[in-house]
Amino acid sequence: MQVKKLVLGLAAAFSLFVHGGTMLLNSGDTLVFMGDSITQFGNENNHGYVRLVMAGLQANDINVTYFGKGVSGQTAVEMKNRFQADVIANNPKVVTIFAGVNDCSKKEDTGWPNDTTSSPDDVAAMVAMALEENITPVLLSPTSHGGEEFRKDICDYAAAVKKIAEDNHIPYVPTYETFRDYVDDATNPKVNSQYKLTADGTHMS
């Protein structure tokens, strides 16, 4: 049921009414998925979240052109640096932004990663770039189950992403919250120590 809710929640972010009854997407529009390896996996595998979102849209008779722009290992600042070429140049109606896992995985005990300056501020910068071009950004919070410290970092990053969405009055998809509800439920089955919600503990399946 939690897996079904996650898929429905993702699809609902695009197919349902928001902002006083304005549809986010209609047939004929263009949609870009911006992200890291989770988005890359989601686009390259039939059971990945990008493919599932597209299936959800099609089930609601919404047929759009889409681009999967996930690059493995990238942080939010790296996504920001290619946002013009990979998002704005494709002139989408909507862009989903799924960042944060690599920012947190490269984070040391203090501050954001020392090998980059990447942080939720770069997510906010991508939001500003999209809005400047009349592109609606949809923010997804990062998901990964990792160790205790890593989970706290992801939780903090998700809270920051949610705040960015609230401040800009744009859609927010609670992927982190739904993910944690599932993996923290001891009654949910595990296969080879990996949760069925992911292919490997990180990449949503």
N, C-alpha and C. Protein backbone atom coordinates (compact mmCIF):
# COMPACT_ATOMS: atom_id res chain seq x y z
N MET A 1 0.84 -1.21 0.00
CA MET A 1 0.00 0.00 0.00
C MET A 1 0.87 1.26 0.00
N GLN A 2 1.97 1.25 0.79
CA GLN A 2 2.84 2.42 0.81
C GLN A 2 3.47 2.67 -0.55
N VAL A 3 3.88 1.56 -1.23
CA VAL A 3 4.47 1.71 -2.56
C VAL A 3 3.44 2.30 -3.50
N LYS A 4 2.22 1.80 -3.43
CA LYS A 4 1.16 2.31 -4.28
C LYS A 4 0.92 3.79 -3.99
N LYS A 5 0.93 4.18 -2.72
CA LYS A 5 0.71 5.58 -2.36
C LYS A 5 1.81 6.47 -2.91
N LEU A 6 3.07 5.96 -2.88
CA LEU A 6 4.18 6.75 -3.40
C LEU A 6 4.01 7.00 -4.88
N VAL A 7 3.68 5.95 -5.65
CA VAL A 7 3.49 6.10 -7.09
C VAL A 7 2.32 7.04 -7.38
N LEU A 8 1.23 6.86 -6.67
CA LEU A 8 0.08 7.73 -6.87
C LEU A 8 0.40 9.16 -6.50
N GLY A 9 1.20 9.34 -5.42
CA GLY A 9 1.56 10.69 -5.01
C GLY A 9 2.40 11.39 -6.05
N LEU A 10 3.34 10.66 -6.65
CA LEU A 10 4.16 11.25 -7.71
C LEU A 10 3.31 11.65 -8.90
N ALA A 11 2.46 10.74 -9.36
CA ALA A 11 1.62 11.03 -10.51
C ALA A 11 0.65 12.17 -10.21
N ALA A 12 0.15 12.20 -8.97
CA ALA A 12 -0.80 13.25 -8.60
C ALA A 12 -0.17 14.63 -8.66
N ALA A 13 1.13 14.71 -8.44
CA ALA A 13 1.80 16.01 -8.48
C ALA A 13 1.68 16.66 -9.84
N PHE A 14 1.49 15.84 -10.88
CA PHE A 14 1.41 16.36 -12.23
C PHE A 14 -0.01 16.35 -12.79
N SER A 15 -0.82 15.39 -12.36
CA SER A 15 -2.09 15.18 -13.05
C SER A 15 -3.29 15.78 -12.33
N LEU A 16 -3.13 16.21 -11.08
CA LEU A 16 -4.27 16.73 -10.35
C LEU A 16 -4.27 18.25 -10.34
N PHE A 17 -5.38 18.83 -9.89
CA PHE A 17 -5.51 20.28 -9.84
C PHE A 17 -4.68 20.87 -8.70
N VAL A 18 -4.01 21.98 -8.99
CA VAL A 18 -3.25 22.71 -7.97
C VAL A 18 -3.45 24.19 -8.19
N HIS A 19 -3.10 24.98 -7.18
CA HIS A 19 -3.13 26.44 -7.30
C HIS A 19 -4.48 26.95 -7.82
N GLY A 20 -5.51 26.59 -7.10
CA GLY A 20 -6.83 27.12 -7.44
C GLY A 20 -7.44 26.55 -8.70
N GLY A 21 -7.04 25.35 -9.08
CA GLY A 21 -7.69 24.70 -10.21
C GLY A 21 -6.94 24.75 -11.52
N THR A 22 -5.69 25.19 -11.50
CA THR A 22 -4.88 25.22 -12.72
C THR A 22 -4.16 23.90 -12.88
N MET A 23 -4.32 23.26 -14.05
CA MET A 23 -3.64 22.00 -14.31
C MET A 23 -2.15 22.24 -14.52
N LEU A 24 -1.34 21.42 -13.91
CA LEU A 24 0.10 21.53 -14.12
C LEU A 24 0.49 21.10 -15.53
N LEU A 25 -0.07 19.99 -16.00
CA LEU A 25 0.29 19.44 -17.30
C LEU A 25 -0.95 19.07 -18.08
N ASN A 26 -0.87 19.28 -19.38
CA ASN A 26 -1.90 18.84 -20.30
C ASN A 26 -1.23 18.11 -21.45
N SER A 27 -1.99 17.32 -22.17
CA SER A 27 -1.43 16.63 -23.33
C SER A 27 -0.79 17.64 -24.28
N GLY A 28 0.36 17.25 -24.79
CA GLY A 28 1.10 18.13 -25.69
C GLY A 28 2.18 18.94 -25.00
N ASP A 29 2.17 19.00 -23.66
CA ASP A 29 3.19 19.74 -22.92
C ASP A 29 4.50 18.94 -22.88
N THR A 30 5.54 19.61 -22.40
CA THR A 30 6.84 18.97 -22.21
C THR A 30 7.20 18.97 -20.74
N LEU A 31 7.77 17.87 -20.29
CA LEU A 31 8.15 17.66 -18.89
C LEU A 31 9.61 17.23 -18.84
N VAL A 32 10.40 17.82 -17.96
CA VAL A 32 11.79 17.42 -17.75
C VAL A 32 11.95 16.91 -16.33
N PHE A 33 12.63 15.77 -16.20
CA PHE A 33 12.99 15.22 -14.90
C PHE A 33 14.47 15.52 -14.67
N MET A 34 14.79 16.40 -13.73
CA MET A 34 16.17 16.76 -13.40
C MET A 34 16.59 16.02 -12.14
N GLY A 35 17.78 15.40 -12.16
CA GLY A 35 18.20 14.71 -10.96
C GLY A 35 19.56 14.05 -11.09
N ASP A 36 19.81 13.12 -10.15
CA ASP A 36 21.07 12.39 -10.10
C ASP A 36 20.83 10.96 -10.56
N SER A 37 21.53 9.98 -9.96
CA SER A 37 21.39 8.60 -10.41
C SER A 37 20.00 8.02 -10.14
N ILE A 38 19.30 8.56 -9.15
CA ILE A 38 17.94 8.07 -8.89
C ILE A 38 17.05 8.39 -10.09
N THR A 39 17.21 9.58 -10.64
CA THR A 39 16.45 9.96 -11.83
C THR A 39 16.95 9.20 -13.05
N GLN A 40 18.27 9.03 -13.16
CA GLN A 40 18.82 8.27 -14.28
C GLN A 40 18.28 6.84 -14.25
N PHE A 41 18.33 6.19 -13.09
CA PHE A 41 17.78 4.85 -12.92
C PHE A 41 16.29 4.86 -13.22
N GLY A 42 15.61 5.89 -12.73
CA GLY A 42 14.17 5.98 -12.92
C GLY A 42 13.76 6.09 -14.36
N ASN A 43 14.64 6.63 -15.19
CA ASN A 43 14.36 6.77 -16.61
C ASN A 43 14.76 5.55 -17.41
N GLU A 44 15.83 4.87 -16.99
CA GLU A 44 16.38 3.77 -17.77
C GLU A 44 15.73 2.42 -17.46
N ASN A 45 14.94 2.35 -16.40
CA ASN A 45 14.32 1.08 -16.00
C ASN A 45 12.81 1.21 -15.96
N ASN A 46 12.13 0.20 -16.48
CA ASN A 46 10.67 0.25 -16.56
C ASN A 46 10.02 0.41 -15.20
N HIS A 47 10.69 -0.08 -14.13
CA HIS A 47 10.13 0.03 -12.79
C HIS A 47 10.69 1.23 -12.03
N GLY A 48 11.44 2.10 -12.71
CA GLY A 48 11.95 3.31 -12.09
C GLY A 48 10.88 4.37 -11.97
N TYR A 49 11.09 5.35 -11.08
CA TYR A 49 10.01 6.30 -10.79
C TYR A 49 9.63 7.17 -11.98
N VAL A 50 10.58 7.50 -12.85
CA VAL A 50 10.24 8.32 -14.02
C VAL A 50 9.25 7.58 -14.91
N ARG A 51 9.55 6.32 -15.18
CA ARG A 51 8.66 5.52 -16.03
C ARG A 51 7.29 5.34 -15.37
N LEU A 52 7.28 5.20 -14.03
CA LEU A 52 6.01 5.02 -13.33
C LEU A 52 5.18 6.29 -13.35
N VAL A 53 5.84 7.45 -13.22
CA VAL A 53 5.12 8.72 -13.31
C VAL A 53 4.52 8.87 -14.70
N MET A 54 5.28 8.55 -15.73
CA MET A 54 4.77 8.66 -17.09
C MET A 54 3.59 7.72 -17.31
N ALA A 55 3.67 6.53 -16.73
CA ALA A 55 2.55 5.60 -16.83
C ALA A 55 1.33 6.16 -16.12
N GLY A 56 1.57 6.83 -14.98
CA GLY A 56 0.45 7.43 -14.25
C GLY A 56 -0.21 8.54 -15.04
N LEU A 57 0.60 9.35 -15.70
CA LEU A 57 0.05 10.42 -16.54
C LEU A 57 -0.76 9.84 -17.69
N GLN A 58 -0.21 8.84 -18.37
CA GLN A 58 -0.90 8.23 -19.50
C GLN A 58 -2.20 7.58 -19.06
N ALA A 59 -2.21 7.01 -17.85
CA ALA A 59 -3.44 6.42 -17.34
C ALA A 59 -4.52 7.47 -17.12
N ASN A 60 -4.09 8.73 -16.95
CA ASN A 60 -5.02 9.84 -16.80
C ASN A 60 -5.23 10.58 -18.12
N ASP A 61 -4.86 9.92 -19.25
CA ASP A 61 -5.02 10.49 -20.59
C ASP A 61 -4.26 11.80 -20.77
N ILE A 62 -3.12 11.91 -20.11
CA ILE A 62 -2.24 13.07 -20.27
C ILE A 62 -0.97 12.58 -20.96
N ASN A 63 -0.81 12.93 -22.22
CA ASN A 63 0.30 12.45 -23.02
C ASN A 63 1.26 13.60 -23.30
N VAL A 64 2.43 13.53 -22.69
CA VAL A 64 3.41 14.61 -22.78
C VAL A 64 4.72 14.11 -23.36
N THR A 65 5.53 15.03 -23.86
CA THR A 65 6.91 14.74 -24.23
C THR A 65 7.76 14.91 -22.98
N TYR A 66 8.66 13.95 -22.73
CA TYR A 66 9.47 14.09 -21.52
C TYR A 66 10.94 13.84 -21.81
N PHE A 67 11.77 14.43 -20.96
CA PHE A 67 13.22 14.24 -21.01
C PHE A 67 13.70 13.82 -19.64
N GLY A 68 14.40 12.69 -19.55
CA GLY A 68 15.01 12.26 -18.30
C GLY A 68 16.43 12.76 -18.24
N LYS A 69 16.70 13.70 -17.35
CA LYS A 69 18.01 14.33 -17.26
C LYS A 69 18.68 14.02 -15.93
N GLY A 70 18.77 12.73 -15.62
CA GLY A 70 19.48 12.31 -14.42
C GLY A 70 20.91 11.94 -14.74
N VAL A 71 21.85 12.42 -13.93
CA VAL A 71 23.27 12.11 -14.10
C VAL A 71 23.81 11.54 -12.79
N SER A 72 24.30 10.33 -12.85
CA SER A 72 24.77 9.63 -11.66
C SER A 72 25.85 10.41 -10.93
N GLY A 73 25.72 10.48 -9.61
CA GLY A 73 26.73 11.08 -8.75
C GLY A 73 26.66 12.58 -8.61
N GLN A 74 25.73 13.22 -9.29
CA GLN A 74 25.73 14.68 -9.28
C GLN A 74 25.10 15.28 -8.02
N THR A 75 25.67 16.41 -7.62
CA THR A 75 25.13 17.21 -6.53
C THR A 75 24.22 18.28 -7.10
N ALA A 76 23.55 19.01 -6.24
CA ALA A 76 22.62 20.05 -6.68
C ALA A 76 23.33 21.15 -7.46
N VAL A 77 24.54 21.51 -7.04
CA VAL A 77 25.25 22.58 -7.75
C VAL A 77 25.62 22.14 -9.17
N GLU A 78 25.92 20.86 -9.35
CA GLU A 78 26.22 20.35 -10.68
C GLU A 78 24.97 20.36 -11.56
N MET A 79 23.83 20.05 -10.96
CA MET A 79 22.57 20.14 -11.70
C MET A 79 22.28 21.58 -12.09
N LYS A 80 22.53 22.50 -11.15
CA LYS A 80 22.30 23.91 -11.44
C LYS A 80 23.16 24.36 -12.62
N ASN A 81 24.39 23.87 -12.69
CA ASN A 81 25.31 24.29 -13.74
C ASN A 81 24.88 23.81 -15.13
N ARG A 82 24.06 22.76 -15.20
CA ARG A 82 23.58 22.30 -16.50
C ARG A 82 22.08 22.57 -16.70
N PHE A 83 21.50 23.35 -15.81
CA PHE A 83 20.06 23.59 -15.84
C PHE A 83 19.64 24.30 -17.14
N GLN A 84 20.43 25.25 -17.58
CA GLN A 84 20.11 25.98 -18.81
C GLN A 84 20.06 25.02 -20.00
N ALA A 85 21.07 24.18 -20.13
CA ALA A 85 21.17 23.29 -21.30
C ALA A 85 20.18 22.14 -21.23
N ASP A 86 19.99 21.56 -20.04
CA ASP A 86 19.18 20.35 -19.94
C ASP A 86 17.71 20.60 -19.64
N VAL A 87 17.40 21.78 -19.11
CA VAL A 87 16.01 22.07 -18.78
C VAL A 87 15.47 23.21 -19.63
N ILE A 88 15.99 24.39 -19.43
CA ILE A 88 15.43 25.58 -20.09
C ILE A 88 15.47 25.45 -21.61
N ALA A 89 16.55 24.87 -22.14
CA ALA A 89 16.66 24.74 -23.60
C ALA A 89 15.59 23.83 -24.20
N ASN A 90 15.00 22.96 -23.38
CA ASN A 90 13.94 22.06 -23.85
C ASN A 90 12.55 22.67 -23.71
N ASN A 91 12.49 23.89 -23.15
CA ASN A 91 11.24 24.65 -23.04
C ASN A 91 10.08 23.83 -22.45
N PRO A 92 10.29 23.25 -21.27
CA PRO A 92 9.20 22.45 -20.68
C PRO A 92 8.15 23.32 -20.00
N LYS A 93 6.98 22.73 -19.82
CA LYS A 93 5.95 23.37 -19.00
C LYS A 93 6.27 23.15 -17.52
N VAL A 94 6.82 21.96 -17.22
CA VAL A 94 7.10 21.57 -15.84
C VAL A 94 8.47 20.90 -15.78
N VAL A 95 9.22 21.16 -14.70
CA VAL A 95 10.44 20.43 -14.41
C VAL A 95 10.35 19.88 -13.00
N THR A 96 10.68 18.60 -12.83
CA THR A 96 10.81 18.06 -11.48
C THR A 96 12.28 18.12 -11.10
N ILE A 97 12.55 18.48 -9.86
CA ILE A 97 13.93 18.60 -9.37
C ILE A 97 14.09 17.66 -8.18
N PHE A 98 14.97 16.67 -8.36
CA PHE A 98 15.16 15.63 -7.36
C PHE A 98 16.64 15.60 -6.99
N ALA A 99 17.03 16.35 -5.95
CA ALA A 99 18.44 16.51 -5.58
C ALA A 99 18.63 16.28 -4.09
N GLY A 100 19.89 16.06 -3.71
CA GLY A 100 20.22 16.05 -2.28
C GLY A 100 20.96 14.84 -1.77
N VAL A 101 20.75 13.68 -2.38
CA VAL A 101 21.39 12.48 -1.86
C VAL A 101 22.91 12.60 -1.93
N ASN A 102 23.42 13.05 -3.07
CA ASN A 102 24.88 13.16 -3.21
C ASN A 102 25.45 14.32 -2.41
N ASP A 103 24.67 15.38 -2.23
CA ASP A 103 25.11 16.46 -1.35
C ASP A 103 25.38 15.90 0.05
N CYS A 104 24.48 15.06 0.52
CA CYS A 104 24.59 14.52 1.88
C CYS A 104 25.64 13.40 1.97
N SER A 105 25.77 12.62 0.92
CA SER A 105 26.74 11.51 0.98
C SER A 105 28.16 12.02 0.95
N LYS A 106 28.36 13.24 0.42
CA LYS A 106 29.71 13.82 0.39
C LYS A 106 29.93 14.78 1.55
N LYS A 107 28.98 14.86 2.44
CA LYS A 107 29.05 15.79 3.56
C LYS A 107 29.90 15.20 4.68
N GLU A 108 30.77 16.00 5.28
CA GLU A 108 31.53 15.56 6.43
C GLU A 108 30.77 15.95 7.70
N ASP A 109 31.43 15.93 8.83
CA ASP A 109 30.76 16.14 10.10
C ASP A 109 30.21 17.56 10.25
N THR A 110 30.83 18.51 9.59
CA THR A 110 30.36 19.89 9.73
C THR A 110 30.16 20.51 8.36
N GLY A 111 29.11 21.27 8.22
CA GLY A 111 28.87 22.01 6.99
C GLY A 111 28.45 21.13 5.83
N TRP A 112 28.26 21.77 4.66
CA TRP A 112 27.91 21.04 3.45
C TRP A 112 29.19 20.51 2.82
N PRO A 113 29.13 19.74 1.75
CA PRO A 113 30.32 19.05 1.23
C PRO A 113 31.50 19.99 1.00
N ASN A 114 32.69 19.55 1.41
CA ASN A 114 33.85 20.41 1.23
C ASN A 114 34.44 20.29 -0.17
N ASP A 115 34.01 19.29 -0.97
CA ASP A 115 34.52 19.16 -2.32
C ASP A 115 33.70 20.00 -3.30
N THR A 116 32.54 20.48 -2.87
CA THR A 116 31.72 21.38 -3.66
C THR A 116 31.10 22.38 -2.69
N THR A 117 30.37 23.31 -3.23
CA THR A 117 29.62 24.24 -2.37
C THR A 117 28.14 23.87 -2.40
N SER A 118 27.85 22.63 -2.76
CA SER A 118 26.47 22.24 -3.01
C SER A 118 25.62 22.21 -1.74
N SER A 119 24.40 22.71 -1.84
CA SER A 119 23.48 22.77 -0.71
C SER A 119 22.07 23.00 -1.24
N PRO A 120 21.06 23.02 -0.37
CA PRO A 120 19.71 23.35 -0.82
C PRO A 120 19.61 24.72 -1.49
N ASP A 121 20.58 25.60 -1.24
CA ASP A 121 20.58 26.89 -1.93
C ASP A 121 20.63 26.71 -3.44
N ASP A 122 21.27 25.62 -3.89
CA ASP A 122 21.34 25.37 -5.33
C ASP A 122 20.02 24.86 -5.86
N VAL A 123 19.25 24.17 -5.03
CA VAL A 123 17.89 23.81 -5.42
C VAL A 123 17.06 25.08 -5.57
N ALA A 124 17.21 25.99 -4.61
CA ALA A 124 16.48 27.27 -4.68
C ALA A 124 16.87 28.04 -5.94
N ALA A 125 18.15 27.99 -6.31
CA ALA A 125 18.61 28.69 -7.52
C ALA A 125 17.97 28.09 -8.76
N MET A 126 17.83 26.77 -8.82
CA MET A 126 17.17 26.13 -9.96
C MET A 126 15.70 26.52 -10.03
N VAL A 127 15.07 26.60 -8.87
CA VAL A 127 13.68 27.04 -8.81
C VAL A 127 13.55 28.45 -9.40
N ALA A 128 14.45 29.34 -9.00
CA ALA A 128 14.41 30.72 -9.49
C ALA A 128 14.62 30.76 -11.00
N MET A 129 15.54 29.95 -11.51
CA MET A 129 15.81 29.90 -12.95
C MET A 129 14.57 29.42 -13.70
N ALA A 130 13.90 28.41 -13.16
CA ALA A 130 12.70 27.89 -13.81
C ALA A 130 11.59 28.92 -13.82
N LEU A 131 11.33 29.53 -12.68
CA LEU A 131 10.25 30.51 -12.58
C LEU A 131 10.50 31.70 -13.49
N GLU A 132 11.76 32.09 -13.65
CA GLU A 132 12.11 33.20 -14.54
C GLU A 132 11.70 32.91 -15.98
N GLU A 133 11.67 31.61 -16.34
CA GLU A 133 11.31 31.20 -17.70
C GLU A 133 9.87 30.70 -17.78
N ASN A 134 9.08 30.97 -16.74
CA ASN A 134 7.68 30.52 -16.69
C ASN A 134 7.56 28.99 -16.76
N ILE A 135 8.54 28.31 -16.20
CA ILE A 135 8.50 26.85 -16.06
C ILE A 135 8.11 26.54 -14.63
N THR A 136 7.15 25.65 -14.44
CA THR A 136 6.72 25.29 -13.09
C THR A 136 7.65 24.22 -12.52
N PRO A 137 8.39 24.52 -11.44
CA PRO A 137 9.22 23.50 -10.80
C PRO A 137 8.41 22.70 -9.78
N VAL A 138 8.65 21.41 -9.76
CA VAL A 138 8.07 20.52 -8.76
C VAL A 138 9.23 19.90 -7.98
N LEU A 139 9.26 20.11 -6.68
CA LEU A 139 10.38 19.62 -5.87
C LEU A 139 10.06 18.28 -5.23
N LEU A 140 10.99 17.33 -5.37
CA LEU A 140 10.91 16.04 -4.70
C LEU A 140 11.99 16.01 -3.63
N SER A 141 11.65 15.53 -2.44
CA SER A 141 12.65 15.45 -1.38
C SER A 141 13.49 14.19 -1.54
N PRO A 142 14.80 14.24 -1.15
CA PRO A 142 15.71 13.12 -1.38
C PRO A 142 15.35 11.89 -0.55
N THR A 143 15.65 10.72 -1.10
CA THR A 143 15.34 9.46 -0.44
C THR A 143 16.58 8.57 -0.38
N SER A 144 16.84 8.00 0.79
CA SER A 144 17.89 7.00 0.96
C SER A 144 17.85 6.55 2.41
N HIS A 145 18.18 5.26 2.67
CA HIS A 145 18.03 4.83 4.05
C HIS A 145 19.33 4.81 4.84
N GLY A 146 20.50 4.61 4.26
CA GLY A 146 21.81 4.80 4.87
C GLY A 146 21.95 4.63 6.37
N GLY A 147 23.03 5.15 6.92
CA GLY A 147 23.28 5.10 8.36
C GLY A 147 22.58 6.23 9.09
N GLU A 148 22.71 6.22 10.42
CA GLU A 148 21.96 7.17 11.24
C GLU A 148 22.32 8.62 10.94
N GLU A 149 23.61 8.93 10.83
CA GLU A 149 24.02 10.30 10.56
C GLU A 149 23.57 10.74 9.16
N PHE A 150 23.71 9.82 8.20
CA PHE A 150 23.29 10.12 6.83
C PHE A 150 21.78 10.37 6.79
N ARG A 151 21.03 9.56 7.53
CA ARG A 151 19.56 9.75 7.55
C ARG A 151 19.20 11.12 8.11
N LYS A 152 19.93 11.57 9.13
CA LYS A 152 19.66 12.91 9.67
C LYS A 152 19.96 13.98 8.64
N ASP A 153 21.06 13.82 7.92
CA ASP A 153 21.41 14.79 6.88
C ASP A 153 20.33 14.84 5.80
N ILE A 154 19.86 13.67 5.39
CA ILE A 154 18.81 13.60 4.37
C ILE A 154 17.53 14.25 4.90
N CYS A 155 17.21 13.98 6.16
CA CYS A 155 16.01 14.56 6.77
C CYS A 155 16.10 16.08 6.77
N ASP A 156 17.24 16.62 7.15
CA ASP A 156 17.43 18.07 7.16
C ASP A 156 17.33 18.65 5.76
N TYR A 157 17.90 17.95 4.80
CA TYR A 157 17.87 18.43 3.41
C TYR A 157 16.42 18.42 2.90
N ALA A 158 15.69 17.36 3.23
CA ALA A 158 14.28 17.28 2.81
C ALA A 158 13.47 18.43 3.39
N ALA A 159 13.74 18.76 4.66
CA ALA A 159 13.03 19.88 5.29
C ALA A 159 13.35 21.19 4.58
N ALA A 160 14.60 21.34 4.16
CA ALA A 160 14.99 22.56 3.44
C ALA A 160 14.30 22.63 2.08
N VAL A 161 14.22 21.50 1.39
CA VAL A 161 13.54 21.46 0.09
C VAL A 161 12.06 21.80 0.25
N LYS A 162 11.44 21.26 1.27
CA LYS A 162 10.03 21.56 1.53
C LYS A 162 9.83 23.05 1.78
N LYS A 163 10.74 23.65 2.53
CA LYS A 163 10.65 25.09 2.82
C LYS A 163 10.80 25.92 1.54
N ILE A 164 11.68 25.50 0.65
CA ILE A 164 11.84 26.19 -0.63
C ILE A 164 10.53 26.15 -1.41
N ALA A 165 9.89 24.99 -1.42
CA ALA A 165 8.62 24.85 -2.13
C ALA A 165 7.55 25.75 -1.51
N GLU A 166 7.48 25.76 -0.19
CA GLU A 166 6.49 26.60 0.50
C GLU A 166 6.74 28.08 0.23
N ASP A 167 8.00 28.49 0.30
CA ASP A 167 8.33 29.90 0.10
C ASP A 167 7.99 30.38 -1.30
N ASN A 168 8.09 29.47 -2.27
CA ASN A 168 7.84 29.83 -3.66
C ASN A 168 6.45 29.43 -4.15
N HIS A 169 5.65 28.84 -3.25
CA HIS A 169 4.28 28.44 -3.58
C HIS A 169 4.25 27.52 -4.80
N ILE A 170 5.14 26.52 -4.77
CA ILE A 170 5.21 25.55 -5.85
C ILE A 170 4.97 24.15 -5.29
N PRO A 171 4.64 23.18 -6.15
CA PRO A 171 4.33 21.83 -5.66
C PRO A 171 5.53 21.14 -5.02
N TYR A 172 5.24 20.40 -3.97
CA TYR A 172 6.24 19.61 -3.24
C TYR A 172 5.72 18.18 -3.15
N VAL A 173 6.56 17.23 -3.56
CA VAL A 173 6.20 15.82 -3.47
C VAL A 173 6.93 15.20 -2.28
N PRO A 174 6.22 14.69 -1.27
CA PRO A 174 6.85 14.20 -0.04
C PRO A 174 7.45 12.81 -0.21
N THR A 175 8.39 12.68 -1.16
CA THR A 175 9.01 11.38 -1.38
C THR A 175 9.80 10.92 -0.15
N TYR A 176 10.51 11.84 0.50
CA TYR A 176 11.27 11.46 1.70
C TYR A 176 10.34 10.92 2.78
N GLU A 177 9.27 11.63 3.05
CA GLU A 177 8.37 11.24 4.12
C GLU A 177 7.73 9.87 3.84
N THR A 178 7.30 9.67 2.60
CA THR A 178 6.67 8.40 2.24
C THR A 178 7.69 7.27 2.29
N PHE A 179 8.89 7.55 1.82
CA PHE A 179 9.98 6.57 1.84
C PHE A 179 10.28 6.13 3.27
N ARG A 180 10.42 7.10 4.18
CA ARG A 180 10.75 6.77 5.56
C ARG A 180 9.62 6.01 6.23
N ASP A 181 8.39 6.40 5.95
CA ASP A 181 7.26 5.68 6.52
C ASP A 181 7.33 4.20 6.15
N TYR A 182 7.76 3.94 4.92
CA TYR A 182 7.81 2.55 4.45
C TYR A 182 8.99 1.79 5.06
N VAL A 183 10.21 2.36 4.96
CA VAL A 183 11.37 1.60 5.41
C VAL A 183 11.46 1.50 6.93
N ASP A 184 10.82 2.41 7.64
CA ASP A 184 10.84 2.34 9.10
C ASP A 184 9.77 1.43 9.68
N ASP A 185 8.90 0.93 8.82
CA ASP A 185 7.84 0.03 9.26
C ASP A 185 8.40 -1.39 9.32
N ALA A 186 8.57 -1.91 10.52
CA ALA A 186 9.20 -3.22 10.70
C ALA A 186 8.40 -4.36 10.07
N THR A 187 7.14 -4.12 9.77
CA THR A 187 6.32 -5.19 9.19
C THR A 187 6.53 -5.34 7.69
N ASN A 188 7.22 -4.37 7.06
CA ASN A 188 7.44 -4.46 5.62
C ASN A 188 8.58 -5.43 5.32
N PRO A 189 8.44 -6.23 4.28
CA PRO A 189 9.44 -7.28 3.99
C PRO A 189 10.74 -6.71 3.41
N LYS A 190 11.84 -7.44 3.68
CA LYS A 190 13.13 -7.12 3.09
C LYS A 190 13.57 -8.32 2.24
N VAL A 191 14.30 -8.05 1.19
CA VAL A 191 14.85 -9.10 0.34
C VAL A 191 16.35 -8.88 0.25
N ASN A 192 17.14 -9.85 0.74
CA ASN A 192 18.60 -9.70 0.75
C ASN A 192 19.04 -8.38 1.38
N SER A 193 18.39 -8.03 2.48
CA SER A 193 18.69 -6.82 3.26
C SER A 193 18.33 -5.53 2.54
N GLN A 194 17.68 -5.63 1.38
CA GLN A 194 17.26 -4.42 0.69
C GLN A 194 15.73 -4.32 0.72
N TYR A 195 15.24 -3.11 0.85
CA TYR A 195 13.82 -2.92 0.90
C TYR A 195 13.22 -2.99 -0.49
N LYS A 196 12.04 -3.54 -0.59
CA LYS A 196 11.39 -3.68 -1.89
C LYS A 196 11.11 -2.34 -2.55
N LEU A 197 11.11 -1.27 -1.77
CA LEU A 197 10.83 0.05 -2.33
C LEU A 197 11.95 0.53 -3.25
N THR A 198 13.13 -0.04 -3.09
CA THR A 198 14.28 0.38 -3.90
C THR A 198 14.93 -0.84 -4.55
N ALA A 199 15.77 -0.56 -5.57
CA ALA A 199 16.52 -1.65 -6.20
C ALA A 199 17.74 -2.04 -5.38
N ASP A 200 18.27 -1.07 -4.60
CA ASP A 200 19.53 -1.32 -3.92
C ASP A 200 19.65 -0.54 -2.60
N GLY A 201 18.55 -0.02 -2.10
CA GLY A 201 18.58 0.76 -0.87
C GLY A 201 18.51 2.26 -1.13
N THR A 202 18.71 2.67 -2.36
CA THR A 202 18.70 4.10 -2.69
C THR A 202 17.81 4.39 -3.89
N HIS A 203 17.97 3.63 -4.97
CA HIS A 203 17.29 3.94 -6.23
C HIS A 203 15.88 3.36 -6.24
N MET A 204 14.90 4.25 -6.24
CA MET A 204 13.50 3.83 -6.14
C MET A 204 13.10 2.94 -7.30
N SER A 205 12.44 1.84 -6.95
CA SER A 205 12.06 0.84 -7.96
C SER A 205 10.55 0.70 -8.02
